[in-house]
Protein backbone atom coordinates (compact mmCIF):
# COMPACT_ATOMS: atom_id res chain seq x y z
CA UNK A 1 -101.60 182.21 165.31
CA UNK A 2 -105.11 181.52 164.08
CA UNK A 3 -104.97 181.30 160.28
CA UNK A 4 -107.74 180.95 157.71
CA UNK A 5 -106.74 179.27 154.43
CA UNK A 6 -108.87 179.51 151.30
CA UNK A 7 -107.71 176.91 148.79
CA UNK A 8 -106.20 174.03 150.76
CA UNK A 9 -106.59 171.10 148.37
CA UNK A 10 -104.52 172.13 145.35
CA UNK A 11 -100.87 171.90 144.43
CA UNK A 12 -99.76 174.52 146.98
CA UNK A 13 -102.52 174.04 149.53
CA UNK A 14 -101.72 170.36 150.07
CA UNK A 15 -98.28 171.40 151.27
CA UNK A 16 -99.33 174.62 152.99
CA UNK A 17 -101.95 173.27 155.41
CA UNK A 18 -99.79 170.48 156.91
CA UNK A 19 -96.89 172.91 157.22
CA UNK A 20 -99.00 175.45 159.12
CA UNK A 21 -100.27 172.75 161.48
CA UNK A 22 -96.71 171.49 162.01
CA UNK A 23 -95.67 175.05 162.90
CA UNK A 24 -98.27 175.04 165.69
CA UNK A 25 -100.91 177.32 164.18
CA UNK A 26 -104.67 176.96 164.64
CA UNK A 27 -105.69 176.35 161.01
CA UNK A 28 -109.14 176.64 159.47
CA UNK A 29 -109.54 175.72 155.79
CA UNK A 30 -112.51 177.10 153.87
CA UNK A 31 -113.66 175.49 150.63
CA UNK A 32 -116.76 174.44 148.73
CA UNK A 33 -116.09 170.82 149.66
CA UNK A 34 -115.30 169.49 146.19
CA UNK A 35 -112.06 167.98 147.52
CA UNK A 36 -111.48 166.48 150.94
CA UNK A 37 -109.20 168.33 153.37
CA UNK A 38 -107.94 165.54 155.58
CA UNK A 39 -105.12 167.05 157.60
CA UNK A 40 -105.05 166.16 161.30
CA UNK A 41 -105.09 169.33 163.33
CA UNK A 42 -106.80 171.48 160.68
CA UNK A 43 -110.52 172.25 160.72
CA UNK A 44 -112.43 172.20 157.43
CA UNK A 45 -115.46 174.46 156.96
CA UNK A 46 -117.71 174.55 153.90
CA UNK A 47 -118.76 177.69 152.08
CA UNK A 48 -118.64 179.25 148.63
CA UNK A 49 -116.29 182.22 148.85
CA UNK A 50 -118.64 184.23 146.64
CA UNK A 51 -121.43 183.91 149.23
CA UNK A 52 -120.49 186.48 151.88
CA UNK A 53 -123.21 185.36 154.30
CA UNK A 54 -122.10 181.70 154.08
CA UNK A 55 -118.46 182.67 154.62
CA UNK A 56 -119.39 184.80 157.63
CA UNK A 57 -121.27 181.90 159.21
CA UNK A 58 -118.67 179.24 158.41
CA UNK A 59 -115.53 181.17 159.35
CA UNK A 60 -116.44 182.29 162.84
CA UNK A 61 -114.18 184.21 165.17
CA UNK A 62 -111.12 186.30 164.35
CA UNK A 63 -108.01 185.36 162.38
CA UNK A 64 -104.50 186.71 162.67
CA UNK A 65 -104.01 186.03 158.96
CA UNK A 66 -105.91 184.93 155.88
CA UNK A 67 -103.97 183.04 153.18
CA UNK A 68 -105.95 183.16 149.94
CA UNK A 69 -104.73 180.68 147.31
CA UNK A 70 -107.63 180.79 144.89
CA UNK A 71 -108.41 184.45 144.20
CA UNK A 72 -108.36 185.26 140.48
CA UNK A 73 -110.28 188.52 140.08
CA UNK A 74 -110.97 191.45 142.42
CA UNK A 75 -114.49 190.27 143.11
CA UNK A 76 -113.10 187.10 144.73
CA UNK A 77 -111.33 189.07 147.45
CA UNK A 78 -114.07 191.66 147.84
CA UNK A 79 -116.66 189.04 148.75
CA UNK A 80 -114.35 187.61 151.42
CA UNK A 81 -113.53 191.03 152.85
CA UNK A 82 -117.24 191.86 152.95
CA UNK A 83 -117.86 188.66 154.89
CA UNK A 84 -115.02 188.92 157.38
CA UNK A 85 -114.98 192.72 157.72
CA UNK A 86 -112.51 193.54 160.50
CA UNK A 87 -111.99 189.95 161.69
CA UNK A 88 -108.67 189.36 159.87
CA UNK A 89 -105.35 190.96 160.78
CA UNK A 90 -103.35 190.32 157.61
CA UNK A 91 -104.33 189.39 154.04
CA UNK A 92 -101.88 187.13 152.17
CA UNK A 93 -102.81 186.41 148.54
CA UNK A 94 -101.24 184.14 145.93
CA UNK A 95 -100.80 185.91 142.61
CA UNK A 96 -98.48 184.99 139.71
CA UNK A 97 -95.25 186.13 138.05
CA UNK A 98 -97.25 186.41 134.82
CA UNK A 99 -98.33 189.90 135.96
CA UNK A 100 -94.95 191.39 134.95
CA UNK A 101 -95.37 193.78 131.99
CA UNK A 102 -91.81 193.02 130.81
CA UNK A 103 -92.36 189.27 130.67
CA UNK A 104 -92.94 189.07 126.90
CA UNK A 105 -89.62 190.76 126.21
CA UNK A 106 -87.86 188.49 128.72
CA UNK A 107 -89.21 185.43 126.92
CA UNK A 108 -87.99 186.69 123.54
CA UNK A 109 -84.42 187.62 124.40
CA UNK A 110 -81.78 187.91 127.12
CA UNK A 111 -83.20 189.69 130.14
CA UNK A 112 -82.33 190.75 133.66
CA UNK A 113 -84.16 189.01 136.48
CA UNK A 114 -87.68 190.37 136.96
CA UNK A 115 -87.97 192.14 140.32
CA UNK A 116 -91.05 192.94 142.38
CA UNK A 117 -90.62 196.65 141.61
CA UNK A 118 -90.89 195.88 137.86
CA UNK A 119 -94.64 195.48 138.35
CA UNK A 120 -95.68 198.36 140.66
CA UNK A 121 -99.28 197.78 141.64
CA UNK A 122 -100.50 201.23 140.70
CA UNK A 123 -99.09 200.89 137.18
CA UNK A 124 -100.15 197.37 136.22
CA UNK A 125 -101.46 197.43 132.62
CA UNK A 126 -105.19 197.08 132.12
CA UNK A 127 -105.42 195.82 128.54
CA UNK A 128 -108.44 193.58 128.10
CA UNK A 129 -108.26 193.28 124.32
CA UNK A 130 -106.98 189.69 124.33
CA UNK A 131 -109.82 187.34 125.31
CA UNK A 132 -107.80 184.10 125.41
CA UNK A 133 -108.13 182.14 128.68
CA UNK A 134 -104.51 182.84 129.64
CA UNK A 135 -104.82 186.55 128.92
CA UNK A 136 -107.99 186.74 131.01
CA UNK A 137 -106.19 184.94 133.84
CA UNK A 138 -103.26 187.37 133.78
CA UNK A 139 -105.48 190.42 133.51
CA UNK A 140 -107.62 189.15 136.37
CA UNK A 141 -104.56 188.77 138.59
CA UNK A 142 -103.33 192.26 137.68
CA UNK A 143 -106.66 193.83 138.53
CA UNK A 144 -106.85 191.76 141.71
CA UNK A 145 -103.44 192.98 142.93
CA UNK A 146 -104.19 196.64 142.21
CA UNK A 147 -107.71 196.63 143.66
CA UNK A 148 -106.77 194.63 146.75
CA UNK A 149 -103.91 197.01 147.51
CA UNK A 150 -106.26 199.98 147.25
CA UNK A 151 -108.86 198.32 149.49
CA UNK A 152 -106.36 197.20 152.12
CA UNK A 153 -104.70 200.62 152.30
CA UNK A 154 -108.08 202.26 152.90
CA UNK A 155 -108.93 199.71 155.60
CA UNK A 156 -105.49 199.82 157.19
CA UNK A 157 -105.19 196.05 156.61
CA UNK A 158 -101.65 194.71 156.01
CA UNK A 159 -101.37 193.02 152.62
CA UNK A 160 -98.78 190.56 151.31
CA UNK A 161 -98.76 189.48 147.66
CA UNK A 162 -96.79 186.36 146.71
CA UNK A 163 -95.98 185.88 143.02
CA UNK A 164 -95.01 182.25 142.29
CA UNK A 165 -92.81 181.45 139.30
CA UNK A 166 -94.25 180.91 135.83
CA UNK A 167 -94.23 177.15 136.35
CA UNK A 168 -94.78 175.40 139.71
CA UNK A 169 -93.70 171.81 140.30
CA UNK A 170 -93.68 169.36 143.16
CA UNK A 171 -95.70 166.45 144.52
CA UNK A 172 -99.35 166.60 143.36
CA UNK A 173 -98.38 168.23 140.04
CA UNK A 174 -100.98 166.14 138.25
CA UNK A 175 -100.86 167.95 134.91
CA UNK A 176 -97.73 166.11 133.76
CA UNK A 177 -95.39 169.11 133.55
CA UNK A 178 -92.70 167.35 135.56
CA UNK A 179 -93.74 163.73 134.89
CA UNK A 180 -93.59 164.23 131.09
CA UNK A 181 -89.79 164.49 131.31
CA UNK A 182 -89.24 162.28 134.36
CA UNK A 183 -90.97 159.22 132.87
CA UNK A 184 -89.17 159.63 129.54
CA UNK A 185 -85.85 159.85 131.33
CA UNK A 186 -86.78 156.90 133.53
CA UNK A 187 -87.54 154.60 130.58
CA UNK A 188 -84.09 155.28 129.13
CA UNK A 189 -85.30 156.40 125.74
CA UNK A 190 -84.59 159.65 123.95
CA UNK A 191 -86.22 162.97 124.68
CA UNK A 192 -86.84 164.92 121.49
CA UNK A 193 -86.69 168.71 121.70
CA UNK A 194 -87.07 171.33 118.98
CA UNK A 195 -83.78 172.71 117.68
CA UNK A 196 -84.83 176.16 118.91
CA UNK A 197 -84.53 174.89 122.49
CA UNK A 198 -80.76 174.97 122.07
CA UNK A 199 -80.97 178.71 121.53
CA UNK A 200 -83.29 179.60 124.40
CA UNK A 201 -83.50 183.29 125.19
CA UNK A 202 -82.62 183.26 128.85
CA UNK A 203 -82.23 181.17 132.00
CA UNK A 204 -84.94 178.70 132.95
CA UNK A 205 -86.52 178.69 136.39
CA UNK A 206 -89.40 176.96 138.16
CA UNK A 207 -90.98 177.15 141.60
CA UNK A 208 -91.15 174.25 144.04
CA UNK A 209 -94.66 173.99 145.48
CA UNK A 210 -93.28 173.18 148.93
CA UNK A 211 -91.25 176.39 148.97
CA UNK A 212 -94.18 178.48 147.73
CA UNK A 213 -96.21 177.06 150.62
CA UNK A 214 -93.46 177.87 153.12
CA UNK A 215 -93.12 181.42 151.79
CA UNK A 216 -96.86 181.95 152.26
CA UNK A 217 -96.59 180.61 155.81
CA UNK A 218 -93.52 182.74 156.59
CA UNK A 219 -95.17 185.85 155.18
CA UNK A 220 -98.36 185.25 157.17
CA UNK A 221 -96.54 185.64 160.49
CA UNK A 222 -94.69 188.79 159.35
CA UNK A 223 -97.35 191.34 158.41
CA UNK A 224 -95.91 194.45 156.71
CA UNK A 225 -96.74 197.96 157.77
CA UNK A 226 -98.75 198.36 154.58
CA UNK A 227 -97.99 196.22 151.48
CA UNK A 228 -95.26 193.67 150.74
CA UNK A 229 -94.68 191.76 147.49
CA UNK A 230 -92.48 188.66 147.12
CA UNK A 231 -91.48 186.51 144.18
CA UNK A 232 -91.50 182.78 144.93
CA UNK A 233 -89.25 180.63 142.75
CA UNK A 234 -86.16 178.47 143.02
CA UNK A 235 -82.93 180.51 142.93
CA UNK A 236 -81.16 178.02 140.63
CA UNK A 237 -81.09 179.02 136.97
CA UNK A 238 -80.27 176.42 134.33
CA UNK A 239 -80.52 175.36 130.71
CA UNK A 240 -82.86 172.66 129.46
CA UNK A 241 -79.93 170.26 129.15
CA UNK A 242 -78.92 170.89 132.77
CA UNK A 243 -82.52 170.38 133.91
CA UNK A 244 -82.85 167.04 132.11
CA UNK A 245 -79.31 166.06 133.03
CA UNK A 246 -80.08 166.31 136.74
CA UNK A 247 -83.18 164.16 136.26
CA UNK A 248 -81.05 161.53 134.53
CA UNK A 249 -78.45 161.66 137.28
CA UNK A 250 -81.09 161.15 139.99
CA UNK A 251 -82.46 158.17 138.04
CA UNK A 252 -79.02 156.67 137.43
CA UNK A 253 -79.34 157.20 133.69
CA UNK A 254 -77.36 158.88 130.96
CA UNK A 255 -79.32 161.81 129.47
CA UNK A 256 -80.41 161.16 125.88
CA UNK A 257 -81.50 164.51 124.47
CA UNK A 258 -82.02 164.77 120.72
CA UNK A 259 -83.01 167.71 118.55
CA UNK A 260 -85.08 168.07 115.41
CA UNK A 261 -86.76 170.93 113.59
CA UNK A 262 -90.18 171.85 114.94
CA UNK A 263 -91.86 171.00 111.63
CA UNK A 264 -90.29 167.52 111.64
CA UNK A 265 -91.43 166.89 115.20
CA UNK A 266 -94.95 167.98 114.29
CA UNK A 267 -94.94 165.45 111.42
CA UNK A 268 -93.52 162.65 113.57
CA UNK A 269 -95.54 159.48 114.35
CA UNK A 270 -95.78 160.50 118.01
CA UNK A 271 -97.20 163.99 117.46
CA UNK A 272 -100.80 164.37 118.58
CA UNK A 273 -103.09 166.01 116.01
CA UNK A 274 -100.08 167.27 114.10
CA UNK A 275 -98.45 169.02 117.08
CA UNK A 276 -95.63 167.69 119.23
CA UNK A 277 -96.19 169.13 122.70
CA UNK A 278 -93.70 169.14 125.55
CA UNK A 279 -94.09 171.22 128.75
CA UNK A 280 -90.72 172.96 128.67
CA UNK A 281 -90.19 175.46 131.52
CA UNK A 282 -90.44 179.12 130.59
CA UNK A 283 -87.29 180.93 129.51
CA UNK A 284 -87.48 183.80 131.99
CA UNK A 285 -86.56 184.20 135.64
CA UNK A 286 -87.49 186.33 138.64
CA UNK A 287 -85.34 187.72 141.44
CA UNK A 288 -86.05 186.00 144.77
CA UNK A 289 -83.77 188.00 147.07
CA UNK A 290 -86.63 189.99 148.64
CA UNK A 291 -88.27 186.90 150.14
CA UNK A 292 -84.89 185.51 151.11
CA UNK A 293 -83.92 188.69 152.96
CA UNK A 294 -87.23 189.87 154.45
CA UNK A 295 -88.50 186.43 155.48
CA UNK A 296 -85.08 184.90 156.27
CA UNK A 297 -86.06 182.19 153.81
CA UNK A 298 -83.91 179.18 152.89
CA UNK A 299 -84.78 177.57 149.56
CA UNK A 300 -84.96 173.82 149.00
CA UNK A 301 -82.03 172.78 146.76
CA UNK A 302 -83.06 171.77 143.26
CA UNK A 303 -81.65 168.26 143.67
CA UNK A 304 -83.74 167.70 146.82
CA UNK A 305 -87.10 168.94 145.50
CA UNK A 306 -86.60 167.14 142.20
CA UNK A 307 -85.89 163.84 144.00
CA UNK A 308 -88.97 164.33 146.21
CA UNK A 309 -91.15 165.08 143.20
CA UNK A 310 -89.73 162.12 141.29
CA UNK A 311 -90.62 159.77 144.17
CA UNK A 312 -94.19 161.05 144.03
CA UNK A 313 -94.29 160.62 140.24
CA UNK A 314 -93.25 156.97 140.57
CA UNK A 315 -96.15 156.28 142.91
CA UNK A 316 -98.82 158.41 141.28
CA UNK A 317 -98.23 157.42 137.66
CA UNK A 318 -97.66 153.70 138.23
CA UNK A 319 -100.10 151.88 135.95
CA UNK A 320 -101.73 155.07 134.66
CA UNK A 321 -102.47 155.59 130.97
CA UNK A 322 -101.69 159.24 130.28
CA UNK A 323 -102.49 160.61 126.80
CA UNK A 324 -99.09 162.35 126.62
CA UNK A 325 -97.30 159.01 127.07
CA UNK A 326 -99.38 156.66 124.90
CA UNK A 327 -97.23 157.14 121.79
CA UNK A 328 -93.99 156.71 123.71
CA UNK A 329 -93.13 153.46 121.88
CA UNK A 330 -93.32 155.28 118.53
CA UNK A 331 -91.26 158.11 119.99
CA UNK A 332 -88.50 155.78 121.20
CA UNK A 333 -88.38 153.99 117.84
CA UNK A 334 -88.24 157.13 115.70
CA UNK A 335 -84.82 157.44 114.03
CA UNK A 336 -85.24 161.17 113.44
CA UNK A 337 -85.94 163.13 110.25
């Protein structure tokens, strides 16, 4: 197939583009050129997606599928559709599991797995009262899903929406979400968690970036008759202690997890600006059976993706001075409250 990818240099794109090339597709990656796309077999074209004329000139010819990784509001997709008109056969867009209206309740208490039907596109809430960056992001994705479905149904263009888990991990996760815990487990010292983490509301779940990429690729070659929606997350559900215990096992360590009250952690010598921050995975989970069944998808086992990500962490963070690790000596020496 001939596939156009928008967003090929980020966490998912860096795995998606090589996978598509490996599968034998003719791949064109469109970006503004801020990051190099150096994948043998893929062609890189430069254009700002918001400039319809530039996109039309750069992305010449027809495409069996468009995989859009960096659309955040309806206007992002509308400019691309205006540029490509009838030259794409299937629109695949990356959304987020944050669009689920029942997510807040799932985070507060025990909850069933969130299913694709729990966020029907025509009924996505449109509450723009909260102007925080995260709220604007979620609202933008909700409006994007609903508007894109409406547009594609009118055009007769097959649409697939992929909703990755609340937290995505894997090689190139440069924000420290995985490395925060991996490096602390690797150095053999304790990992301090708030006492409330022992009483988490529900199962924890993350998405592996490599699997999200493969779901996008699998969906691209299976256009639906109209609209398809798939969650993308690892099927394993676990507690924080199980999550950190597997890290320790892979590193040949004994897990050293300690608990203290949140207020004591915030007053500790290793808290930054009076707040002890740790990127714990979210305490909610989505059902992934739709992608597994419709796309005949086989998930990467947790042990395998965690080992792969840990190998990348060792290389990437060697010799780096990360702000979230600078007070590690004080953290290891702290006897507790």
